[in-house]
Structure formats: structure tokens, C-alpha cells
Protein backbone atom coordinates (compact mmCIF):
# COMPACT_ATOMS: atom_id res chain seq x y z
CA UNK A 1 63.80 -104.38 -23.19
CA UNK A 2 67.17 -104.99 -24.83
CA UNK A 3 67.61 -103.97 -28.50
CA UNK A 4 69.68 -106.10 -30.87
CA UNK A 5 72.16 -103.56 -32.35
CA UNK A 6 72.80 -105.84 -35.38
CA UNK A 7 69.38 -104.87 -36.69
CA UNK A 8 70.74 -101.29 -37.27
CA UNK A 9 73.64 -102.61 -39.32
CA UNK A 10 76.12 -100.42 -37.35
CA UNK A 11 77.29 -99.88 -33.83
CA UNK A 12 75.98 -96.27 -33.74
CA UNK A 13 75.37 -94.40 -30.52
CA UNK A 14 71.75 -94.05 -29.35
CA UNK A 15 69.88 -91.26 -31.14
CA UNK A 16 69.32 -88.14 -28.97
CA UNK A 17 65.55 -88.66 -29.30
CA UNK A 18 65.59 -92.35 -28.27
CA UNK A 19 64.13 -91.58 -24.86
CA UNK A 20 60.98 -89.90 -26.24
CA UNK A 21 57.86 -92.08 -26.06
CA UNK A 22 55.08 -91.37 -28.55
CA UNK A 23 51.53 -92.45 -27.61
CA UNK A 24 50.15 -95.12 -29.88
CA UNK A 25 53.17 -97.39 -29.65
CA UNK A 26 55.55 -95.71 -32.21
CA UNK A 27 59.13 -95.55 -31.07
CA UNK A 28 61.00 -92.26 -30.75
CA UNK A 29 63.62 -93.45 -33.26
CA UNK A 30 61.09 -93.80 -36.04
CA UNK A 31 59.67 -90.35 -35.37
CA UNK A 32 63.12 -88.81 -35.20
CA UNK A 33 63.96 -90.18 -38.66
CA UNK A 34 60.87 -88.55 -40.13
CA UNK A 35 61.32 -85.14 -38.36
CA UNK A 36 63.62 -82.49 -39.97
CA UNK A 37 66.38 -82.41 -37.41
CA UNK A 38 67.18 -78.62 -37.55
CA UNK A 39 63.56 -77.88 -36.66
CA UNK A 40 63.63 -80.29 -33.79
CA UNK A 41 66.84 -78.75 -32.49
CA UNK A 42 65.43 -75.24 -32.84
CA UNK A 43 62.43 -76.04 -30.70
CA UNK A 44 64.61 -77.74 -28.13
CA UNK A 45 66.94 -74.73 -27.89
CA UNK A 46 64.02 -72.31 -27.60
CA UNK A 47 62.45 -74.37 -24.87
CA UNK A 48 65.75 -74.45 -23.00
CA UNK A 49 66.05 -70.67 -23.09
CA UNK A 50 62.50 -70.19 -21.86
CA UNK A 51 62.95 -72.59 -19.01
CA UNK A 52 66.50 -71.59 -18.01
CA UNK A 53 66.11 -68.18 -16.36
CA UNK A 54 69.81 -68.13 -15.50
CA UNK A 55 70.86 -68.13 -19.19
CA UNK A 56 73.48 -65.35 -19.79
CA UNK A 57 71.65 -64.31 -22.95
CA UNK A 58 68.45 -63.93 -21.01
CA UNK A 59 70.14 -61.97 -18.24
CA UNK A 60 71.47 -59.45 -20.73
CA UNK A 61 67.98 -58.89 -22.04
CA UNK A 62 66.54 -58.42 -18.59
CA UNK A 63 69.24 -56.07 -17.26
CA UNK A 64 70.18 -53.65 -20.03
CA UNK A 65 72.56 -50.84 -18.96
CA UNK A 66 70.76 -47.51 -18.51
CA UNK A 67 71.84 -44.67 -20.82
CA UNK A 68 74.07 -42.12 -19.11
CA UNK A 69 72.54 -38.78 -18.17
CA UNK A 70 74.18 -35.40 -18.93
CA UNK A 71 75.12 -35.22 -15.24
CA UNK A 72 76.86 -38.61 -15.46
CA UNK A 73 78.86 -37.49 -18.50
CA UNK A 74 79.97 -34.24 -16.84
CA UNK A 75 81.06 -36.12 -13.73
CA UNK A 76 83.01 -38.64 -15.78
CA UNK A 77 84.63 -35.79 -17.71
CA UNK A 78 85.59 -34.11 -14.44
CA UNK A 79 87.14 -37.30 -13.08
CA UNK A 80 89.14 -37.81 -16.26
CA UNK A 81 90.29 -34.16 -16.24
CA UNK A 82 91.48 -34.58 -12.64
CA UNK A 83 93.40 -37.66 -13.76
CA UNK A 84 94.91 -35.78 -16.72
CA UNK A 85 95.84 -32.85 -14.52
CA UNK A 86 97.54 -34.90 -11.82
CA UNK A 87 99.17 -37.70 -13.80
CA UNK A 88 102.63 -37.09 -15.24
CA UNK A 89 103.02 -36.91 -18.98
CA UNK A 90 103.96 -40.41 -20.08
CA UNK A 91 103.16 -42.88 -22.83
CA UNK A 92 101.77 -45.56 -20.57
CA UNK A 93 98.96 -47.53 -22.13
CA UNK A 94 96.64 -46.71 -19.21
CA UNK A 95 97.15 -42.98 -19.68
CA UNK A 96 96.53 -43.21 -23.41
CA UNK A 97 93.34 -45.12 -22.73
CA UNK A 98 92.15 -42.53 -20.20
CA UNK A 99 92.97 -39.61 -22.53
CA UNK A 100 91.07 -41.28 -25.38
CA UNK A 101 88.12 -41.71 -23.03
CA UNK A 102 88.34 -38.02 -22.04
CA UNK A 103 88.26 -36.92 -25.67
CA UNK A 104 85.16 -39.08 -26.16
CA UNK A 105 83.28 -37.59 -23.20
CA UNK A 106 84.08 -34.02 -24.32
CA UNK A 107 82.63 -34.94 -27.73
CA UNK A 108 79.50 -36.22 -25.95
CA UNK A 109 79.14 -32.92 -24.08
CA UNK A 110 79.34 -31.07 -27.38
CA UNK A 111 76.73 -33.36 -28.90
CA UNK A 112 74.28 -32.66 -26.05
CA UNK A 113 74.75 -28.87 -26.30
CA UNK A 114 74.67 -28.58 -30.09
CA UNK A 115 72.66 -31.64 -31.11
CA UNK A 116 73.69 -33.76 -34.08
CA UNK A 117 72.59 -34.74 -37.56
CA UNK A 118 69.74 -36.82 -36.11
CA UNK A 119 68.35 -34.58 -33.36
CA UNK A 120 68.24 -31.03 -32.02
CA UNK A 121 69.60 -30.23 -28.54
CA UNK A 122 67.14 -30.84 -25.69
CA UNK A 123 66.78 -27.83 -23.39
CA UNK A 124 66.33 -29.91 -20.24
CA UNK A 125 69.48 -31.92 -20.97
CA UNK A 126 71.41 -28.71 -21.66
CA UNK A 127 70.22 -27.23 -18.36
CA UNK A 128 71.29 -30.33 -16.41
CA UNK A 129 74.68 -30.35 -18.10
CA UNK A 130 75.22 -26.62 -17.44
CA UNK A 131 74.30 -26.89 -13.76
CA UNK A 132 76.63 -29.81 -13.16
CA UNK A 133 79.45 -28.28 -15.21
CA UNK A 134 79.59 -25.13 -13.08
CA UNK A 135 78.76 -26.88 -9.78
CA UNK A 136 82.43 -27.70 -9.34
CA UNK A 137 85.62 -26.58 -11.09
CA UNK A 138 85.09 -28.43 -14.36
CA UNK A 139 85.71 -25.26 -16.42
CA UNK A 140 89.00 -24.56 -14.63
CA UNK A 141 90.12 -28.15 -15.16
CA UNK A 142 89.17 -28.04 -18.83
CA UNK A 143 91.11 -24.80 -19.42
CA UNK A 144 94.24 -25.96 -17.61
CA UNK A 145 94.21 -29.40 -19.24
CA UNK A 146 93.53 -28.11 -22.76
CA UNK A 147 97.22 -28.30 -23.83
CA UNK A 148 97.20 -32.04 -23.00
CA UNK A 149 94.34 -32.82 -25.39
CA UNK A 150 94.66 -33.61 -29.08
CA UNK A 151 93.63 -31.05 -31.69
CA UNK A 152 90.10 -32.38 -32.27
CA UNK A 153 89.38 -32.53 -28.53
CA UNK A 154 90.65 -28.94 -28.14
CA UNK A 155 88.22 -27.81 -30.84
CA UNK A 156 85.35 -29.67 -29.15
CA UNK A 157 86.27 -28.24 -25.74
CA UNK A 158 86.40 -24.71 -27.17
CA UNK A 159 82.90 -25.13 -28.60
CA UNK A 160 81.60 -26.54 -25.32
CA UNK A 161 82.95 -23.56 -23.35
CA UNK A 162 81.54 -21.12 -25.93
CA UNK A 163 78.07 -22.68 -25.78
CA UNK A 164 77.96 -22.78 -21.98
CA UNK A 165 78.39 -18.99 -21.78
CA UNK A 166 74.94 -18.63 -23.38
CA UNK A 167 73.07 -21.38 -21.50
CA UNK A 168 70.42 -20.09 -19.12
CA UNK A 169 69.07 -22.13 -16.21
CA UNK A 170 65.93 -20.66 -14.65
CA UNK A 171 66.63 -17.41 -16.55
CA UNK A 172 70.12 -17.12 -15.02
CA UNK A 173 73.47 -17.23 -16.79
CA UNK A 174 75.28 -19.62 -14.46
CA UNK A 175 78.54 -19.11 -16.36
CA UNK A 176 78.55 -15.42 -15.48
CA UNK A 177 78.15 -16.15 -11.77
CA UNK A 178 80.93 -18.75 -11.87
CA UNK A 179 83.38 -16.54 -13.78
CA UNK A 180 82.74 -13.62 -11.46
CA UNK A 181 84.15 -15.79 -8.68
CA UNK A 182 86.98 -17.14 -10.86
CA UNK A 183 88.22 -14.11 -12.79
CA UNK A 184 91.81 -15.34 -12.65
CA UNK A 185 90.88 -17.79 -15.42
CA UNK A 186 91.02 -14.79 -17.77
CA UNK A 187 94.72 -14.47 -16.94
CA UNK A 188 95.29 -17.98 -18.32
CA UNK A 189 93.22 -17.33 -21.46
CA UNK A 190 94.92 -14.01 -22.29
CA UNK A 191 98.40 -15.45 -21.72
CA UNK A 192 97.42 -18.11 -24.26
CA UNK A 193 98.23 -15.63 -27.05
CA UNK A 194 101.88 -16.27 -26.23
CA UNK A 195 101.48 -20.00 -27.01
CA UNK A 196 101.23 -20.69 -30.73
CA UNK A 197 99.42 -24.02 -30.23
CA UNK A 198 96.85 -22.68 -27.78
CA UNK A 199 96.30 -19.07 -28.93
CA UNK A 200 93.29 -19.60 -31.20
CA UNK A 201 91.51 -21.95 -28.76
CA UNK A 202 92.04 -19.72 -25.73
CA UNK A 203 91.26 -16.61 -27.80
CA UNK A 204 87.89 -18.02 -28.88
CA UNK A 205 87.07 -18.95 -25.27
CA UNK A 206 88.11 -15.48 -24.09
CA UNK A 207 85.78 -13.69 -26.54
CA UNK A 208 82.86 -15.80 -25.33
CA UNK A 209 83.68 -15.13 -21.68
CA UNK A 210 83.81 -11.34 -22.14
CA UNK A 211 80.19 -11.47 -23.24
CA UNK A 212 79.65 -11.09 -19.50
CA UNK A 213 80.09 -7.45 -18.46
CA UNK A 214 81.83 -8.28 -15.19
CA UNK A 215 84.45 -10.33 -17.02
CA UNK A 216 84.99 -7.63 -19.67
CA UNK A 217 85.47 -4.99 -16.96
CA UNK A 218 88.08 -7.16 -15.25
CA UNK A 219 90.08 -7.54 -18.49
CA UNK A 220 89.78 -3.84 -19.39
CA UNK A 221 91.04 -2.76 -15.98
CA UNK A 222 93.86 -5.32 -15.86
CA UNK A 223 97.45 -4.93 -17.00
CA UNK A 224 96.62 -7.34 -19.80
CA UNK A 225 95.10 -4.55 -21.90
CA UNK A 226 98.56 -3.17 -22.65
CA UNK A 227 99.66 -6.60 -23.91
CA UNK A 228 97.08 -6.50 -26.69
CA UNK A 229 99.09 -3.82 -28.52
CA UNK A 230 101.86 -6.40 -28.89
CA UNK A 231 99.60 -9.39 -29.56
CA UNK A 232 97.92 -7.54 -32.44
CA UNK A 233 101.31 -7.21 -34.14
CA UNK A 234 102.55 -10.78 -33.66
CA UNK A 235 104.20 -12.22 -36.80
CA UNK A 236 101.72 -15.11 -36.92
CA UNK A 237 98.86 -13.60 -38.95
CA UNK A 238 96.10 -15.87 -37.57
CA UNK A 239 97.02 -15.16 -33.95
CA UNK A 240 97.40 -11.42 -34.58
CA UNK A 241 93.97 -11.33 -36.27
CA UNK A 242 92.42 -13.28 -33.39
CA UNK A 243 93.92 -10.87 -30.83
CA UNK A 244 92.59 -7.92 -32.86
CA UNK A 245 89.10 -9.48 -32.84
CA UNK A 246 89.23 -9.85 -29.04
CA UNK A 247 90.55 -6.28 -28.65
CA UNK A 248 87.65 -4.97 -30.72
CA UNK A 249 85.13 -6.98 -28.71
CA UNK A 250 86.50 -5.55 -25.47
CA UNK A 251 86.16 -1.96 -26.77
CA UNK A 252 82.73 -2.18 -28.38
CA UNK A 253 80.47 -4.71 -26.62
CA UNK A 254 79.66 -3.15 -23.23
CA UNK A 255 79.08 0.55 -23.96
CA UNK A 256 78.95 1.99 -20.44
CA UNK A 257 81.92 -0.06 -19.22
CA UNK A 258 84.01 0.96 -22.25
CA UNK A 259 83.14 4.67 -21.82
CA UNK A 260 84.18 4.51 -18.18
CA UNK A 261 87.43 2.71 -19.04
CA UNK A 262 88.40 5.17 -21.79
CA UNK A 263 87.67 8.19 -19.60
CA UNK A 264 89.85 6.85 -16.79
CA UNK A 265 92.67 5.59 -19.03
CA UNK A 266 92.55 8.14 -21.85
CA UNK A 267 96.19 9.28 -21.80
CA UNK A 268 98.07 5.99 -21.92
CA UNK A 269 95.44 4.20 -24.01
CA UNK A 270 95.47 6.65 -26.94
CA UNK A 271 99.20 7.30 -26.70
CA UNK A 272 99.75 3.56 -27.25
CA UNK A 273 96.96 3.36 -29.81
CA UNK A 274 98.46 6.13 -31.95
CA UNK A 275 102.08 5.06 -31.81
CA UNK A 276 101.72 1.28 -31.96
CA UNK A 277 98.64 0.85 -34.14
CA UNK A 278 97.82 3.95 -36.23
CA UNK A 279 101.49 4.58 -37.00
CA UNK A 280 102.43 0.92 -37.35
CA UNK A 281 104.52 -0.11 -40.34
CA UNK A 282 102.08 -2.98 -40.93
CA UNK A 283 99.33 -2.07 -43.42
CA UNK A 284 96.74 -4.47 -41.96
CA UNK A 285 97.37 -3.16 -38.44
CA UNK A 286 96.83 0.45 -39.57
CA UNK A 287 93.68 -0.42 -41.49
CA UNK A 288 92.11 -2.35 -38.59
CA UNK A 289 93.13 0.34 -36.09
CA UNK A 290 91.64 3.29 -37.98
CA UNK A 291 88.41 1.35 -38.56
CA UNK A 292 88.12 0.51 -34.85
CA UNK A 293 88.94 4.09 -33.87
CA UNK A 294 86.02 5.32 -35.97
CA UNK A 295 83.69 2.78 -34.32
CA UNK A 296 84.78 3.95 -30.87
CA UNK A 297 84.59 7.71 -31.45
CA UNK A 298 81.32 7.64 -33.40
CA UNK A 299 79.54 5.71 -30.64
CA UNK A 300 77.29 8.11 -28.71
CA UNK A 301 78.25 6.58 -25.36
CA UNK A 302 81.84 7.79 -26.00
CA UNK A 303 80.92 11.39 -26.84
CA UNK A 304 83.08 12.83 -24.02
CA UNK A 305 86.09 10.81 -25.19
CA UNK A 306 85.46 11.86 -28.81
CA UNK A 307 85.41 15.58 -27.87
CA UNK A 308 88.72 15.18 -26.10
CA UNK A 309 90.27 13.24 -28.98
CA UNK A 310 89.38 15.81 -31.68
CA UNK A 311 90.87 18.61 -29.59
CA UNK A 312 94.40 17.23 -29.93
CA UNK A 313 96.74 18.53 -32.64
CA UNK A 314 98.83 15.33 -32.44
CA UNK A 315 95.76 13.25 -33.20
CA UNK A 316 94.90 15.55 -36.14
CA UNK A 317 98.42 15.22 -37.55
CA UNK A 318 98.14 11.39 -37.53
CA UNK A 319 94.73 11.51 -39.21
CA UNK A 320 95.94 13.85 -41.96
CA UNK A 321 98.83 11.49 -42.70
CA UNK A 322 96.38 8.60 -42.98
CA UNK A 323 94.29 10.63 -45.44
CA UNK A 324 97.34 10.68 -47.72
CA UNK A 325 97.68 6.86 -47.73
CA UNK A 326 97.61 5.14 -51.10
CA UNK A 327 95.09 2.63 -49.74
CA UNK A 328 91.50 3.67 -50.47
CA UNK A 329 90.30 1.62 -47.49
CA UNK A 330 92.53 3.48 -45.04
CA UNK A 331 91.70 6.84 -46.65
CA UNK A 332 87.98 6.22 -46.27
CA UNK A 333 88.20 5.11 -42.64
CA UNK A 334 90.51 8.06 -41.86
CA UNK A 335 87.95 10.42 -43.40
CA UNK A 336 85.24 9.20 -41.02
CA UNK A 337 87.44 10.23 -38.07
CA UNK A 338 88.78 13.41 -39.71
CA UNK A 339 85.25 14.72 -40.27
CA UNK A 340 84.84 14.87 -36.48
CA UNK A 341 87.72 17.37 -36.29
CA UNK A 342 86.17 19.48 -39.05
CA UNK A 343 82.64 19.35 -37.62
CA UNK A 344 83.71 20.33 -34.10
CA UNK A 345 82.13 23.74 -33.49
CA UNK A 346 84.51 24.47 -30.63
CA UNK A 347 87.82 23.85 -32.36
CA UNK A 348 90.86 24.83 -30.26
CA UNK A 349 93.05 27.54 -31.89
CA UNK A 350 95.89 25.11 -32.70
CA UNK A 351 93.47 22.81 -34.56
CA UNK A 352 92.15 25.78 -36.58
CA UNK A 353 95.68 26.90 -37.46
CA UNK A 354 96.63 23.43 -38.79
CA UNK A 355 93.48 23.22 -40.90
CA UNK A 356 93.99 26.75 -42.28
CA UNK A 357 97.64 26.03 -43.15
CA UNK A 358 96.57 22.91 -45.10
CA UNK A 359 93.31 24.33 -46.46
CA UNK A 360 94.16 24.25 -50.19
CA UNK A 361 95.66 20.73 -49.98
CA UNK A 362 92.65 19.39 -48.16
CA UNK A 363 90.18 20.91 -50.61
CA UNK A 364 92.09 19.41 -53.57
CA UNK A 365 92.17 16.04 -51.86
CA UNK A 366 88.43 15.99 -51.23
CA UNK A 367 87.62 17.19 -54.74
CA UNK A 368 88.90 13.85 -56.11
CA UNK A 369 87.89 11.77 -53.10
CA UNK A 370 85.40 9.05 -54.12
CA UNK A 371 84.23 5.67 -52.90
CA UNK A 372 84.15 2.56 -55.06
CA UNK A 373 80.39 2.26 -54.63
CA UNK A 374 77.76 5.00 -54.59
CA UNK A 375 77.29 6.16 -51.00
CA UNK A 376 74.89 9.01 -50.41
CA UNK A 377 75.81 9.47 -46.75
CA UNK A 378 79.50 9.70 -47.64
CA UNK A 379 78.77 12.42 -50.22
CA UNK A 380 76.73 14.39 -47.68
CA UNK A 381 79.50 14.11 -45.08
CA UNK A 382 82.18 15.09 -47.60
CA UNK A 383 80.21 18.16 -48.70
CA UNK A 384 79.86 19.25 -45.08
CA UNK A 385 83.60 18.82 -44.41
CA UNK A 386 84.52 20.83 -47.52
CA UNK A 387 82.10 23.56 -46.42
CA UNK A 388 83.61 23.73 -42.93
CA UNK A 389 87.21 23.90 -44.21
CA UNK A 390 86.42 26.46 -46.92
CA UNK A 391 84.80 28.74 -44.31
CA UNK A 392 87.91 28.81 -42.10
């Protein structure tokens, strides 16, 4: 049937609903005028989506990307580290994009190991990450590529390395096993104290690695130990303090290993310790050194080393000079070492002669010697020292 378009009063195009036939004889155009068009369109669009299985929107809903596992993230990090290690330093856009991606994956590793504001770390995820991290040379790559990362990524990487030293998988410290086979990494970390930008990051990693006794023994027995006497006195205060913290950790954490090291290396170790640290012109160096010396000698595992130390007149001379310091802190720490000389029941003749020659001075010094806070143990020790000197 042909429709006379003049009836509509305009030469409009056919309405989109003109083909719909409604039972009962009503035309689709009449129904379309009465229906709210947005609703009609909504139903049509919905129907189209339901029927069209190839719709891009529908495909996205059906095939959502799976979240990456800890293993996936470690592998991606490793690939990016290999890229960073091999590619020349340039400002190409591709390299910048890859480095940004690397920083992001390192942040993800940190988030898995430490958790975040919304969730605690999951032990199973940490175990998977740890296993994959040490399965290949990811740690070596991370250490060697650290200078190429930005500051925030270096901080994140340092925290990741620190955490991994504590992670146990099936009651085993995988990091310890890996480092035992890759002890040369300690050479890189220790040399980091000579790089102002890297010193604090490498120093923090080094302290975590020497939690493992095998690693600590390697460092103690290496030529690097002699370098610490210079690192501790670097002009940069933060780096010097960090080196001093590592030096202390090396000499106090693993008792049996330290006792063995000091017995074997007594002569050069204490000769350097006395001249470079205890007699340093730097106040902070002297204060830290005398405090550490007390910790070492008063440890029962070092009793043989202590007996040898308090039998030396040169050592006694240095301690008596430290007792005369204007600093109360140094005086107090020096006293804790000096009391070992006085309490030694088998004093060599030259030690006795020095104490006798300075008897009156020492007794006057201890008469006015007080601590800022009441300390009963100090008073007991001081009374015993005075008694020993007075009886000479």
C-alpha cells in the first residue's frame, strides 16, 4: 500500500519504527508517537547486545585479563633488568618507557613482601616470589643495575633485598644458599661506600646480607675489613655513620665467627683500631670506637682476646688518655674497658708499674667520677676499681 506523504504535512523520512506491525490493526507510526523514544532505544540497544555475541564490549566482559602472579612479576622484573643492564645509557623514549616500567615492577615486589595500607603480606605469595627471585640471577642484576634507577626505585629495591634475606621457604633461608654461591656480590656492596650516591643503599643491603654467618665470615676474612677504617672516617657524615654501623654488625652479630677472626687477626686489627679509631682526631669516631671496643671485650665469647688486650701497656696508655677526655660519654665508655685492666688478677709487671705510677691521679679522678643518671652497677664497678688500685 502506498502512503500519501502530503497527509504528514512534510517530506520527512520514514520513522525507524515504521516496519513494526502491531496486532489489532494499529500502525507502528502511531505507537511510536506514543512511546517515549529514549526507552524504546534503550530496549533496542540492550537486545542488540544480548543477541550480538561478537560485540567488543561483550568480549571484554567474557575475557578479562588474569591478575599477574608473584612469579610473573619477578620474571618481568628480571627481563627489564637484563634490558637495563645491556642497553646503552641514552634518552630514547623506548628506554625511558622500559625504565619506568622497571621501577613500577620493583614497587610491586615491595608491595607483595611488605603488604600495603589495605592488606597484609600473604605468606604463600612471598614464598613464590622468593623462590623465583633466587632461581636465577635476579639479585645480581638488581645490585648491578641499581645506579641506573631513580632514587625512589633504589629505595624500593633496597627494601626488597632486605626483606628477602629473612624470607623462609620450607624452613630454609634461600637467600643464604644463593649468597654462599655468589659471595663476590659483597665486593660490589662494600665498594659502594666509595660512591656517594650508592653508599647508603648498598650499605643497607650489606648489613642485611651479613645476617647470614657464611657471608659475614667472607667479609671478615677479606681485604675489605681494612677499608672500613677509612670508610668510618669519610667526610660525609651519613656515609661514615653507615659504615660504622656495618662495622659494628660484623664484629658483634656472629659470636663464634668474630672470636675466631679476632684471634687470627689480633695484631693488625687492634693496631689499626687503636691508631685510626681510638686515637682519631674526630670526636664521634673516638666515641663510637671506645663504645664498640667495650662491647667486643666484655662479650664472653671473646674472653681470650680480652685477656690479651688488657695485658698490653700500649692499650692501657690509650685507655688512660681517654679517661682524661672532657667528654663524659667517652670517659664513661673508657672506664668500662679500663676496669678490665684493673680487675685482671694476673697483671703483667709493666701494667702494674704504670698503674702504681699513676695511682694518686687515678684515685682522684674516680673520686669525682659520676654518671648523669643513678647507676648502681656503675657505682659497684667503680668501687671495685678503686679498691684494686689502692691495694697496689
